[in-house]
Protein backbone atom coordinates (compact mmCIF):
# COMPACT_ATOMS: atom_id res chain seq x y z
CA MET A 1 0.25 -0.03 -0.37
CA THR A 2 0.98 3.31 -0.98
CA THR A 3 1.54 5.66 2.57
CA GLU A 4 2.51 9.38 3.15
CA ILE A 5 3.36 11.47 0.73
CA SER A 6 4.53 9.71 -2.05
CA LEU A 7 0.88 8.98 -2.69
CA ILE A 8 -0.01 13.12 -2.91
CA ALA A 9 3.12 13.48 -5.47
CA CYS A 10 2.24 11.14 -7.45
CA CYS A 11 -1.51 12.23 -9.26
CA ARG A 12 -1.57 14.54 -12.00
CA PRO A 13 -4.41 16.88 -11.84
CA LEU A 14 -7.97 15.73 -12.79
CA GLY A 15 -7.92 18.28 -15.69
CA ALA A 16 -5.17 16.62 -16.87
CA PRO A 17 -5.52 15.15 -20.85
CA THR A 18 -4.98 11.59 -19.19
CA LEU A 19 -4.19 9.92 -16.36
CA SER A 20 -2.20 6.60 -15.84
CA ASP A 21 -3.72 3.51 -14.58
CA GLU A 22 -1.14 4.33 -11.20
CA GLU A 23 -2.20 7.94 -11.10
CA ALA A 24 -6.72 7.17 -11.03
CA ASP A 25 -5.34 4.57 -8.58
CA SER A 26 -3.47 7.44 -6.41
CA THR A 27 -6.12 9.49 -6.48
CA ALA A 28 -8.54 7.63 -6.38
CA THR A 29 -7.26 6.06 -3.22
CA LEU A 30 -6.47 9.80 -2.05
CA PHE A 31 -10.21 10.43 -2.52
CA LYS A 32 -10.83 7.29 -0.10
CA ALA A 33 -9.00 8.96 2.24
CA LEU A 34 -11.51 11.67 2.71
CA ALA A 35 -14.94 9.59 1.80
CA ASP A 36 -15.51 10.11 5.37
CA PRO A 37 -17.43 13.05 6.79
CA ALA A 38 -15.81 12.97 10.06
CA ARG A 39 -12.34 12.88 8.39
CA VAL A 40 -13.88 15.52 6.07
CA LYS A 41 -14.71 17.86 9.54
CA ILE A 42 -11.10 16.53 10.95
CA VAL A 43 -9.61 18.21 8.21
CA ASN A 44 -11.80 21.04 7.99
CA LEU A 45 -10.93 21.13 12.09
CA LEU A 46 -6.69 21.48 11.72
CA ALA A 47 -7.27 23.98 8.44
CA SER A 48 -9.09 26.42 10.62
CA SER A 49 -6.94 25.86 13.59
CA GLY A 50 -3.91 27.94 13.05
CA GLY A 51 -1.60 25.60 14.49
CA PRO A 52 -1.66 21.78 16.00
CA VAL A 53 -4.12 20.07 17.16
CA CYS A 54 -4.26 17.41 20.16
CA ALA A 55 -6.14 13.98 19.35
CA CYS A 56 -8.38 14.18 22.27
CA GLU A 57 -9.72 17.92 21.07
CA PHE A 58 -11.08 15.82 18.31
CA GLU A 59 -13.37 13.39 20.32
CA PRO A 60 -16.39 16.39 21.77
CA ALA A 61 -15.91 18.12 18.44
CA LEU A 62 -16.32 15.25 16.44
CA GLY A 63 -19.08 13.64 19.06
CA LEU A 64 -16.81 10.24 18.07
CA SER A 65 -15.27 7.36 20.97
CA GLN A 66 -11.56 7.73 21.13
CA PRO A 67 -11.07 4.41 18.93
CA THR A 68 -13.08 5.77 16.43
CA VAL A 69 -10.70 9.26 16.20
CA SER A 70 -8.04 7.61 16.17
CA HIS A 71 -9.06 5.37 13.21
CA HIS A 72 -9.69 8.39 11.38
CA LEU A 73 -6.24 10.03 12.50
CA LYS A 74 -4.74 7.13 11.26
CA LYS A 75 -6.43 6.71 7.81
CA LEU A 76 -5.74 10.65 7.20
CA THR A 77 -2.19 10.41 7.77
CA ASP A 78 -1.55 7.40 6.17
CA ALA A 79 -2.73 9.22 2.86
CA GLY A 80 -0.13 11.65 3.65
CA LEU A 81 -2.93 14.51 4.01
CA LEU A 82 -1.63 15.07 8.03
CA GLU A 83 1.19 14.98 10.33
CA ARG A 84 1.33 13.34 13.68
CA GLU A 85 4.00 14.97 16.14
CA GLN A 86 4.15 13.47 19.77
CA ARG A 87 4.45 15.21 22.98
CA GLY A 88 4.77 13.22 25.72
CA LYS A 89 1.78 11.06 25.48
CA TRP A 90 -0.11 13.38 23.47
CA ALA A 91 0.02 13.27 19.42
CA TYR A 92 -0.88 16.35 17.83
CA PHE A 93 -1.70 16.56 14.54
CA SER A 94 -1.67 19.53 11.97
CA ILE A 95 -2.45 19.81 8.00
CA ASN A 96 0.70 18.85 5.82
CA PRO A 97 1.48 21.89 3.64
CA GLU A 98 2.85 20.32 0.87
CA ALA A 99 0.29 17.73 0.85
CA ALA A 100 -2.98 20.38 1.26
CA GLY A 101 -0.62 22.61 -1.96
CA GLN A 102 -0.72 19.37 -3.71
CA LEU A 103 -4.57 18.21 -2.83
CA ALA A 104 -5.27 21.84 -4.64
CA GLY A 105 -3.62 20.81 -7.73
CA LEU A 106 -5.09 17.72 -8.46
CA VAL A 107 -8.54 19.20 -7.81
CA ASP A 108 -7.34 21.86 -10.10
CA LEU A 109 -9.56 21.28 -13.43
CA LYS A 110 -8.28 24.48 -15.71
CA GLU A 111 -6.42 21.83 -17.96
CA ALA A 112 -9.51 20.44 -18.83
CA ARG A 113 -11.42 23.96 -19.74
CA ASP A 114 -8.85 25.20 -21.67
CA VAL A 115 -8.85 22.22 -24.46
CA GLU A 116 -10.11 22.62 -27.35
CA PRO A 117 -13.66 20.18 -28.22
CA CYS A 118 -12.74 17.70 -30.02
CA CYS A 119 -15.77 17.82 -31.87
């Protein structure tokens, strides 16, 4: 299984003229990591926090149990979207800035709009 930033680095924008099978698979894997409302909320909380957030803060914010929150954080971290920092017994999470930039470029459909129709 591809993990960390290598997953994101291999993906071309969806508006690219063509995608290889590997690029399509990697892109689908990335979107699978975001294909859960709790994970989208986690990314939203981190994007609006202005800094790393302790894992313990997600439980009350999401209304989920600790094991469920840990599962979602692991999925996002494995996909390369989040960075994890251990501070004593607490884990703090933040958005991986490189991944955020790559993700923004991935969904840029400008290339597709700029291509003239073939028919």
